[in-house]
Amino acid sequence: MEKIIIEEGVAHIVPDDIKAVLLSKPELLEKWNNLTPLARNEWICWTTIVKQEETRKEHIQRLSKDILDGKKRPCCWPGCPHRRESAKKWFKNLDT
């Protein structure tokens, strides 16, 4: 049996809901694993930083589509505030 590897980000681990989508689409998982650790980190943070469950689901759907379309990072995202001090100014009430 072959072990399936899901690469992580720099400051974030891959949460279960993103893992489920990655495991459901082999092409997506391959493209995910070929992203840089910083790019994966941006996708994870962009998906998990939202407050509403519905928004998180929408981000996961967009993550899947955008990565399959060849995008490397989320569009219009100031960056992970957990990794970049300068990105914190864009987030109110951030628990870091």
C-alpha atoms as a PDB file:
ATOM      1  CA  MET A   1       0.000   0.000   0.000  1.00  0.00           C
ATOM      2  CA  GLU A   2       1.372   3.377  -1.042  1.00  0.00           C
ATOM      3  CA  LYS A   3       1.539   6.113   1.580  1.00  0.00           C
ATOM      4  CA  ILE A   4      -0.113   9.348   0.441  1.00  0.00           C
ATOM      5  CA  ILE A   5       1.833  12.480   1.330  1.00  0.00           C
ATOM      6  CA  ILE A   6       0.169  15.860   1.789  1.00  0.00           C
ATOM      7  CA  GLU A   7       2.780  18.590   2.044  1.00  0.00           C
ATOM      8  CA  GLU A   8       2.325  21.257   4.746  1.00  0.00           C
ATOM      9  CA  GLY A   9       2.852  25.024   4.839  1.00  0.00           C
ATOM     10  CA  VAL A  10       5.484  27.011   6.730  1.00  0.00           C
ATOM     11  CA  ALA A  11       3.409  28.292   9.656  1.00  0.00           C
ATOM     12  CA  HIS A  12       0.288  26.169   9.212  1.00  0.00           C
ATOM     13  CA  ILE A  13      -0.558  22.493   8.967  1.00  0.00           C
ATOM     14  CA  VAL A  14      -3.182  21.288   6.498  1.00  0.00           C
ATOM     15  CA  PRO A  15      -6.571  21.067   8.250  1.00  0.00           C
ATOM     16  CA  ASP A  16      -8.839  18.071   7.762  1.00  0.00           C
ATOM     17  CA  ASP A  17     -11.317  19.811   5.435  1.00  0.00           C
ATOM     18  CA  ILE A  18      -8.558  20.802   3.010  1.00  0.00           C
ATOM     19  CA  LYS A  19      -7.019  17.307   3.285  1.00  0.00           C
ATOM     20  CA  ALA A  20     -10.354  15.776   2.295  1.00  0.00           C
ATOM     21  CA  VAL A  21     -10.538  17.873  -0.877  1.00  0.00           C
ATOM     22  CA  LEU A  22      -6.899  17.155  -1.754  1.00  0.00           C
ATOM     23  CA  LEU A  23      -7.392  13.415  -1.286  1.00  0.00           C
ATOM     24  CA  SER A  24     -10.564  13.431  -3.395  1.00  0.00           C
ATOM     25  CA  LYS A  25      -8.753  14.832  -6.461  1.00  0.00           C
ATOM     26  CA  PRO A  26      -5.392  13.223  -7.333  1.00  0.00           C
ATOM     27  CA  GLU A  27      -4.495  15.979  -9.830  1.00  0.00           C
ATOM     28  CA  LEU A  28      -5.153  18.636  -7.194  1.00  0.00           C
ATOM     29  CA  LEU A  29      -3.018  16.789  -4.633  1.00  0.00           C
ATOM     30  CA  GLU A  30      -0.151  16.543  -7.119  1.00  0.00           C
ATOM     31  CA  LYS A  31      -0.321  20.266  -7.901  1.00  0.00           C
ATOM     32  CA  TRP A  32      -0.621  21.071  -4.169  1.00  0.00           C
ATOM     33  CA  ASN A  33       2.484  19.054  -3.342  1.00  0.00           C
ATOM     34  CA  ASN A  34       4.383  20.841  -6.128  1.00  0.00           C
ATOM     35  CA  LEU A  35       3.636  24.289  -4.684  1.00  0.00           C
ATOM     36  CA  THR A  36       6.309  25.896  -2.534  1.00  0.00           C
ATOM     37  CA  PRO A  37       5.867  25.625   1.245  1.00  0.00           C
ATOM     38  CA  LEU A  38       5.199  29.387   1.360  1.00  0.00           C
ATOM     39  CA  ALA A  39       2.499  29.130  -1.319  1.00  0.00           C
ATOM     40  CA  ARG A  40       0.814  26.227   0.513  1.00  0.00           C
ATOM     41  CA  ASN A  41       0.988  28.274   3.716  1.00  0.00           C
ATOM     42  CA  GLU A  42      -0.802  31.185   2.018  1.00  0.00           C
ATOM     43  CA  TRP A  43      -3.624  28.904   0.805  1.00  0.00           C
ATOM     44  CA  ILE A  44      -4.039  27.338   4.257  1.00  0.00           C
ATOM     45  CA  CYS A  45      -4.099  30.687   6.047  1.00  0.00           C
ATOM     46  CA  TRP A  46      -6.425  32.264   3.471  1.00  0.00           C
ATOM     47  CA  THR A  47      -8.865  29.386   3.974  1.00  0.00           C
ATOM     48  CA  THR A  48      -8.709  29.108   7.751  1.00  0.00           C
ATOM     49  CA  ILE A  49      -8.597  32.773   8.814  1.00  0.00           C
ATOM     50  CA  VAL A  50     -12.215  33.450   7.871  1.00  0.00           C
ATOM     51  CA  LYS A  51     -14.870  33.594  10.588  1.00  0.00           C
ATOM     52  CA  GLN A  52     -17.899  32.083   8.825  1.00  0.00           C
ATOM     53  CA  GLU A  53     -18.144  28.363   8.023  1.00  0.00           C
ATOM     54  CA  GLU A  54     -19.852  29.151   4.706  1.00  0.00           C
ATOM     55  CA  THR A  55     -16.988  31.446   3.671  1.00  0.00           C
ATOM     56  CA  ARG A  56     -14.489  28.738   4.561  1.00  0.00           C
ATOM     57  CA  LYS A  57     -16.341  26.255   2.335  1.00  0.00           C
ATOM     58  CA  GLU A  58     -16.286  28.799  -0.496  1.00  0.00           C
ATOM     59  CA  HIS A  59     -12.545  29.313  -0.004  1.00  0.00           C
ATOM     60  CA  ILE A  60     -11.931  25.568  -0.148  1.00  0.00           C
ATOM     61  CA  GLN A  61     -13.894  25.327  -3.412  1.00  0.00           C
ATOM     62  CA  ARG A  62     -11.932  28.246  -4.848  1.00  0.00           C
ATOM     63  CA  LEU A  63      -8.636  26.771  -3.616  1.00  0.00           C
ATOM     64  CA  SER A  64      -9.446  23.598  -5.526  1.00  0.00           C
ATOM     65  CA  LYS A  65     -10.444  25.384  -8.734  1.00  0.00           C
ATOM     66  CA  ASP A  66      -7.627  27.935  -8.687  1.00  0.00           C
ATOM     67  CA  ILE A  67      -4.853  25.428  -8.026  1.00  0.00           C
ATOM     68  CA  LEU A  68      -6.202  23.126 -10.748  1.00  0.00           C
ATOM     69  CA  ASP A  69      -6.213  26.184 -13.048  1.00  0.00           C
ATOM     70  CA  GLY A  70      -2.514  26.711 -12.282  1.00  0.00           C
ATOM     71  CA  LYS A  71      -2.669  29.533  -9.747  1.00  0.00           C
ATOM     72  CA  LYS A  72       0.056  29.467  -7.122  1.00  0.00           C
ATOM     73  CA  ARG A  73      -1.409  31.739  -4.418  1.00  0.00           C
ATOM     74  CA  PRO A  74      -4.767  33.251  -3.461  1.00  0.00           C
ATOM     75  CA  CYS A  75      -5.615  36.396  -5.402  1.00  0.00           C
ATOM     76  CA  CYS A  76      -5.902  39.716  -3.579  1.00  0.00           C
ATOM     77  CA  TRP A  77      -4.460  38.350  -0.332  1.00  0.00           C
ATOM     78  CA  PRO A  78      -2.085  40.507   1.754  1.00  0.00           C
ATOM     79  CA  GLY A  79      -0.273  37.424   3.025  1.00  0.00           C
ATOM     80  CA  CYS A  80      -0.277  35.298   6.135  1.00  0.00           C
ATOM     81  CA  PRO A  81      -0.373  37.545   9.206  1.00  0.00           C
ATOM     82  CA  HIS A  82       0.956  34.642  11.270  1.00  0.00           C
ATOM     83  CA  ARG A  83       4.182  34.769   9.264  1.00  0.00           C
ATOM     84  CA  ARG A  84       4.417  38.377   8.051  1.00  0.00           C
ATOM     85  CA  GLU A  85       4.193  41.188  10.578  1.00  0.00           C
ATOM     86  CA  SER A  86       3.316  43.706   7.840  1.00  0.00           C
ATOM     87  CA  ALA A  87       0.191  41.717   6.870  1.00  0.00           C
ATOM     88  CA  LYS A  88      -1.338  42.030  10.360  1.00  0.00           C
ATOM     89  CA  LYS A  89      -2.621  45.541   9.647  1.00  0.00           C
ATOM     90  CA  TRP A  90      -5.219  44.059   7.255  1.00  0.00           C
ATOM     91  CA  PHE A  91      -6.834  41.873   9.918  1.00  0.00           C
ATOM     92  CA  LYS A  92      -8.961  43.139  12.800  1.00  0.00           C
ATOM     93  CA  ASN A  93      -9.161  41.168  16.050  1.00  0.00           C
ATOM     94  CA  LEU A  94      -6.601  38.650  14.876  1.00  0.00           C
ATOM     95  CA  ASP A  95      -5.667  35.961  17.352  1.00  0.00           C
ATOM     96  CA  THR A  96      -2.118  35.040  16.361  1.00  0.00           C
END
